[in-house]
Protein backbone atom coordinates (compact mmCIF):
# COMPACT_ATOMS: atom_id res chain seq x y z
CA UNK A 1 0.00 0.00 0.01
CA UNK A 2 1.25 3.51 -0.76
CA UNK A 3 1.64 6.26 1.72
CA UNK A 4 -1.20 8.19 0.12
CA UNK A 5 -3.55 5.23 0.09
CA UNK A 6 -2.88 4.49 3.75
CA UNK A 7 -3.59 8.08 4.70
CA UNK A 8 -6.89 7.99 2.83
CA UNK A 9 -7.88 4.82 4.62
CA UNK A 10 -7.06 6.30 8.00
CA UNK A 11 -8.88 9.53 7.16
CA UNK A 12 -12.04 7.66 6.17
CA UNK A 13 -12.02 5.62 9.36
CA UNK A 14 -11.70 8.71 11.48
CA UNK A 15 -14.34 10.54 9.46
CA UNK A 16 -16.82 7.71 10.01
CA UNK A 17 -16.00 7.84 13.75
CA UNK A 18 -17.00 11.53 13.83
CA UNK A 19 -13.49 12.95 14.27
CA UNK A 20 -13.75 16.60 13.19
CA UNK A 21 -10.21 16.92 11.88
CA UNK A 22 -10.05 13.43 10.40
CA UNK A 23 -7.63 14.31 7.57
CA UNK A 24 -5.21 16.21 9.81
CA UNK A 25 -5.21 13.61 12.55
CA UNK A 26 -4.75 10.80 10.03
CA UNK A 27 -1.77 12.60 8.52
CA UNK A 28 -0.15 13.42 11.78
CA UNK A 29 -0.39 9.86 13.00
CA UNK A 30 1.10 8.63 9.69
CA UNK A 31 3.95 11.05 9.96
CA UNK A 32 4.51 9.92 13.53
CA UNK A 33 4.64 6.24 12.59
CA UNK A 34 6.72 6.65 9.43
CA UNK A 35 8.99 9.45 10.62
CA UNK A 36 7.97 11.66 7.69
CA UNK A 37 6.76 15.23 7.15
CA UNK A 38 3.87 16.82 5.33
CA UNK A 39 5.98 16.94 2.21
CA UNK A 40 5.52 13.20 1.74
CA UNK A 41 1.86 13.71 0.78
CA UNK A 42 2.52 16.98 -1.08
CA UNK A 43 4.98 15.17 -3.35
CA UNK A 44 2.42 12.53 -4.29
CA UNK A 45 2.68 9.94 -1.52
CA UNK A 46 3.61 7.07 -3.86
CA UNK A 47 6.21 5.49 -1.57
CA UNK A 48 5.41 2.03 -0.34
CA UNK A 49 4.71 1.67 3.35
CA UNK A 50 6.10 -1.39 5.16
CA UNK A 51 3.87 -4.00 6.76
CA UNK A 52 5.05 -3.03 10.23
CA UNK A 53 4.28 0.65 9.57
CA UNK A 54 0.86 -0.19 8.19
CA UNK A 55 0.02 -2.40 11.22
CA UNK A 56 1.15 0.18 13.71
CA UNK A 57 -0.65 3.01 11.90
CA UNK A 58 -3.96 1.21 11.72
CA UNK A 59 -3.70 0.40 15.43
CA UNK A 60 -3.30 4.08 16.16
CA UNK A 61 -6.20 4.94 13.87
CA UNK A 62 -8.44 2.45 15.70
CA UNK A 63 -7.51 4.04 19.03
CA UNK A 64 -8.07 7.55 17.72
CA UNK A 65 -11.48 6.46 16.38
CA UNK A 66 -12.32 5.52 20.00
CA UNK A 67 -11.66 9.15 20.88
CA UNK A 68 -8.31 8.67 22.58
CA UNK A 69 -6.60 12.08 22.15
CA UNK A 70 -4.05 12.32 19.35
CA UNK A 71 -1.48 13.63 21.84
CA UNK A 72 -1.91 10.59 24.08
CA UNK A 73 -1.05 8.40 21.10
CA UNK A 74 2.03 10.33 20.07
CA UNK A 75 2.91 11.31 23.64
CA UNK A 76 3.78 14.90 22.68
CA UNK A 77 2.22 18.32 22.20
CA UNK A 78 3.94 21.42 20.90
CA UNK A 79 3.52 24.53 23.01
CA UNK A 80 5.35 27.82 22.63
CA UNK A 81 7.64 26.17 20.07
CA UNK A 82 8.65 23.37 22.48
CA UNK A 83 7.61 19.72 22.36
CA UNK A 84 6.19 18.69 25.74
CA UNK A 85 5.60 15.10 26.77
CA UNK A 86 2.00 14.50 27.85
CA UNK A 87 -0.04 11.58 29.13
CA UNK A 88 -3.33 10.90 30.92
CA UNK A 89 -2.09 12.52 34.17
CA UNK A 90 -1.89 16.07 32.74
CA UNK A 91 -3.95 18.43 30.65
CA UNK A 92 -2.85 18.57 27.04
CA UNK A 93 -1.38 22.10 26.54
CA UNK A 94 -3.68 24.29 24.48
CA UNK A 95 -2.75 27.11 22.13
CA UNK A 96 -5.08 29.35 24.17
CA UNK A 97 -2.74 28.94 27.15
CA UNK A 98 0.04 30.51 25.09
CA UNK A 99 -1.78 33.81 25.63
CA UNK A 100 -1.09 33.48 29.36
CA UNK A 101 2.60 32.86 28.70
CA UNK A 102 2.84 35.78 26.30
CA UNK A 103 1.21 38.15 28.78
CA UNK A 104 3.40 36.92 31.66
CA UNK A 105 6.49 37.52 29.51
CA UNK A 106 5.59 41.18 29.26
CA UNK A 107 6.18 41.43 33.02
CA UNK A 108 9.11 38.95 33.18
CA UNK A 109 12.62 40.20 33.77
CA UNK A 110 15.84 38.27 34.18
CA UNK A 111 16.41 37.07 37.70
CA UNK A 112 12.76 36.92 38.76
CA UNK A 113 11.27 34.15 40.83
CA UNK A 114 8.23 32.49 39.25
CA UNK A 115 5.48 30.45 40.88
CA UNK A 116 3.27 28.31 38.65
CA UNK A 117 0.21 27.11 40.51
CA UNK A 118 -1.48 23.92 39.13
CA UNK A 119 1.53 23.31 36.88
CA UNK A 120 0.38 20.06 35.24
CA UNK A 121 2.79 19.25 32.42
CA UNK A 122 4.89 22.30 33.40
CA UNK A 123 4.31 23.93 30.04
CA UNK A 124 3.71 27.44 31.40
CA UNK A 125 6.62 27.56 33.83
CA UNK A 126 9.07 25.76 31.51
CA UNK A 127 8.23 28.07 28.65
CA UNK A 128 8.80 31.14 30.81
CA UNK A 129 12.12 29.69 32.03
CA UNK A 130 13.17 28.79 28.49
CA UNK A 131 12.65 32.31 27.19
CA UNK A 132 14.28 34.13 30.10
CA UNK A 133 17.64 34.25 31.86
CA UNK A 134 18.64 33.67 35.47
CA UNK A 135 15.05 33.17 36.65
CA UNK A 136 14.10 30.55 39.21
CA UNK A 137 10.75 28.75 39.33
CA UNK A 138 8.54 26.59 41.48
CA UNK A 139 5.82 24.42 39.95
CA UNK A 140 3.03 23.30 42.27
CA UNK A 141 0.48 20.61 41.71
CA UNK A 142 -1.61 18.31 43.95
CA UNK A 143 -0.91 15.33 41.59
CA UNK A 144 2.38 13.48 42.06
CA UNK A 145 1.90 11.88 38.63
CA UNK A 146 1.57 15.29 37.00
CA UNK A 147 4.70 16.56 38.74
CA UNK A 148 6.68 13.61 37.35
CA UNK A 149 5.63 14.58 33.86
CA UNK A 150 6.64 18.21 34.54
CA UNK A 151 10.01 17.12 35.86
CA UNK A 152 10.61 15.03 32.75
CA UNK A 153 9.75 18.00 30.55
CA UNK A 154 11.98 20.33 32.50
CA UNK A 155 14.97 17.97 32.24
CA UNK A 156 14.38 17.49 28.54
CA UNK A 157 13.69 21.08 27.49
CA UNK A 158 15.70 23.24 29.85
CA UNK A 159 19.06 21.42 30.11
CA UNK A 160 21.06 23.24 32.81
CA UNK A 161 18.20 25.63 33.51
CA UNK A 162 16.25 22.68 34.93
CA UNK A 163 18.34 23.02 38.09
CA UNK A 164 16.60 26.36 38.70
CA UNK A 165 13.14 24.77 38.94
CA UNK A 166 11.72 22.86 41.90
CA UNK A 167 8.41 21.00 41.87
CA UNK A 168 6.22 20.83 45.01
CA UNK A 169 3.35 18.41 45.61
CA UNK A 170 0.88 20.64 47.44
CA UNK A 171 -2.77 21.56 47.72
CA UNK A 172 -2.23 25.05 46.33
CA UNK A 173 -0.04 27.03 48.75
CA UNK A 174 0.05 24.39 51.58
CA UNK A 175 3.72 23.50 51.17
CA UNK A 176 4.93 26.54 49.27
CA UNK A 177 7.67 28.67 50.82
CA UNK A 178 9.13 32.05 49.97
CA UNK A 179 7.93 34.96 47.89
CA UNK A 180 7.68 35.44 44.17
CA UNK A 181 7.76 38.17 41.60
CA UNK A 182 5.31 36.45 39.23
CA UNK A 183 2.51 34.03 39.99
CA UNK A 184 0.89 32.32 36.98
CA UNK A 185 -1.90 29.78 37.04
CA UNK A 186 -4.18 27.86 34.72
CA UNK A 187 -6.33 26.34 37.45
CA UNK A 188 -9.38 24.05 36.99
CA UNK A 189 -12.13 26.38 35.88
CA UNK A 190 -14.94 24.34 34.26
CA UNK A 191 -18.22 24.30 36.17
CA UNK A 192 -18.91 20.82 37.55
CA UNK A 193 -22.20 20.49 35.69
CA UNK A 194 -20.50 21.23 32.41
CA UNK A 195 -17.99 18.42 32.61
CA UNK A 196 -20.42 15.83 31.12
CA UNK A 197 -20.94 18.00 28.07
CA UNK A 198 -17.26 18.11 27.12
CA UNK A 199 -15.85 16.20 24.14
CA UNK A 200 -15.03 12.57 24.93
CA UNK A 201 -11.35 13.26 24.41
CA UNK A 202 -11.41 15.66 27.30
CA UNK A 203 -14.17 14.17 29.46
CA UNK A 204 -12.86 10.59 29.40
CA UNK A 205 -9.10 10.96 28.99
CA UNK A 206 -7.89 14.13 30.72
CA UNK A 207 -7.65 14.37 34.55
CA UNK A 208 -10.88 15.50 36.16
CA UNK A 209 -8.92 17.22 38.94
CA UNK A 210 -7.40 19.53 36.39
CA UNK A 211 -10.80 20.43 34.83
CA UNK A 212 -13.37 20.76 37.61
CA UNK A 213 -13.62 24.23 39.09
CA UNK A 214 -16.59 23.33 41.32
CA UNK A 215 -20.11 24.72 41.12
CA UNK A 216 -19.42 28.05 39.37
CA UNK A 217 -15.88 27.37 38.09
CA UNK A 218 -14.35 30.03 40.32
CA UNK A 219 -13.36 27.94 43.33
CA UNK A 220 -9.63 27.92 42.65
CA UNK A 221 -9.50 31.55 41.66
CA UNK A 222 -11.03 32.54 44.96
CA UNK A 223 -8.56 30.36 46.91
CA UNK A 224 -5.50 31.58 45.00
CA UNK A 225 -6.42 35.22 45.22
CA UNK A 226 -7.17 34.92 48.97
CA UNK A 227 -3.80 33.35 49.70
CA UNK A 228 -1.50 34.86 47.09
CA UNK A 229 -0.84 38.03 49.05
CA UNK A 230 1.53 36.18 51.40
CA UNK A 231 3.59 34.80 48.50
CA UNK A 232 3.77 37.74 46.10
CA UNK A 233 6.21 40.59 46.60
CA UNK A 234 4.86 44.14 46.50
CA UNK A 235 4.55 45.02 42.82
CA UNK A 236 4.45 41.34 41.94
CA UNK A 237 2.15 40.16 39.13
CA UNK A 238 -0.66 37.64 39.39
CA UNK A 239 -1.84 36.23 36.02
CA UNK A 240 -4.58 33.69 35.36
CA UNK A 241 -5.93 31.84 32.40
CA UNK A 242 -9.71 31.96 32.51
CA UNK A 243 -12.74 30.54 30.76
CA UNK A 244 -14.31 32.69 27.98
CA UNK A 245 -17.14 33.83 30.31
CA UNK A 246 -15.15 34.42 33.49
CA UNK A 247 -13.40 37.69 32.71
CA UNK A 248 -15.58 40.01 34.75
CA UNK A 249 -15.81 37.69 37.78
CA UNK A 250 -12.06 37.06 38.04
CA UNK A 251 -11.29 40.70 37.36
CA UNK A 252 -13.54 41.62 40.26
CA UNK A 253 -11.78 39.12 42.52
CA UNK A 254 -8.46 40.80 41.88
CA UNK A 255 -9.84 44.33 42.11
CA UNK A 256 -11.58 43.58 45.43
CA UNK A 257 -8.34 42.13 46.78
CA UNK A 258 -6.56 45.43 46.07
CA UNK A 259 -4.64 44.52 42.89
CA UNK A 260 -3.77 47.40 40.58
CA UNK A 261 -3.97 47.73 36.81
CA UNK A 262 -6.20 44.68 36.58
CA UNK A 263 -6.69 43.77 32.94
CA UNK A 264 -8.67 41.21 30.95
CA UNK A 265 -6.86 40.05 27.83
CA UNK A 266 -8.55 38.41 24.90
CA UNK A 267 -7.30 35.52 22.84
CA UNK A 268 -6.95 35.43 19.05
CA UNK A 269 -10.60 34.47 18.72
CA UNK A 270 -11.64 37.61 20.58
CA UNK A 271 -12.63 35.76 23.75
CA UNK A 272 -11.58 36.70 27.27
CA UNK A 273 -8.64 34.44 28.10
CA UNK A 274 -6.29 36.01 30.68
CA UNK A 275 -6.74 38.22 33.75
CA UNK A 276 -3.67 39.83 35.38
CA UNK A 277 -3.03 42.43 38.06
CA UNK A 278 -0.26 43.93 40.08
CA UNK A 279 -0.05 43.58 43.83
CA UNK A 280 -0.31 46.91 45.58
CA UNK A 281 2.72 48.31 47.41
CA UNK A 282 0.39 48.99 50.32
CA UNK A 283 -0.75 46.20 52.62
């Protein structure tokens, strides 16, 4: 069977399974199995695929048709230009979360101390560390399995800079020590009753503890804002990723807590995506 024929077979299987991006997913899985690039199809796709490649590819297609996330099959997701390892213990990094990193970088200076609350795969903290110099970071998560993924990513992507990161298993600030110049967080923010309406890839394969923000989705924002004052230096920045309909509520949480220059930032789709504010120099 040729490369092109195998891609078409995989695409049709995924299409019949209701996968929205059937052609793209089929191509990406084929490239993963065969170690090729998009050019293979663009140039005609007439190369013959080996029996082993065909068998492995069709196994992946079968799993993807059962709504197992593509990234769980390949074990990797690109974020901020870096390839992060992912599995069922962490949220798959989304492009929307890059908005949080980009906004945080506007406030980031060399030598700062960064706290990443609910770090998951470590994608936010590791990206900030990768694109800065002489910063130190602490990644916090309640999941030991998630922290192991984050440690693996730090070691792989940061080389010597990985020594500047520590990971803490903690229920938010419970075991956190010290003060920080920048606190970033993409906490669980989906309302509990909405969880059952999510796509199967998310609902059945990503960790519930990283999704469920309790009754109104604001539980973790309230806790973090209430406790962050102890851990942020005066003039320090607190930045959250938020759900598209949470901008006003999270903005008010920061404003009521005395944060200055509180701002709601939209993503590339024009939806509210990030809220950030500066800790007042007054107590």
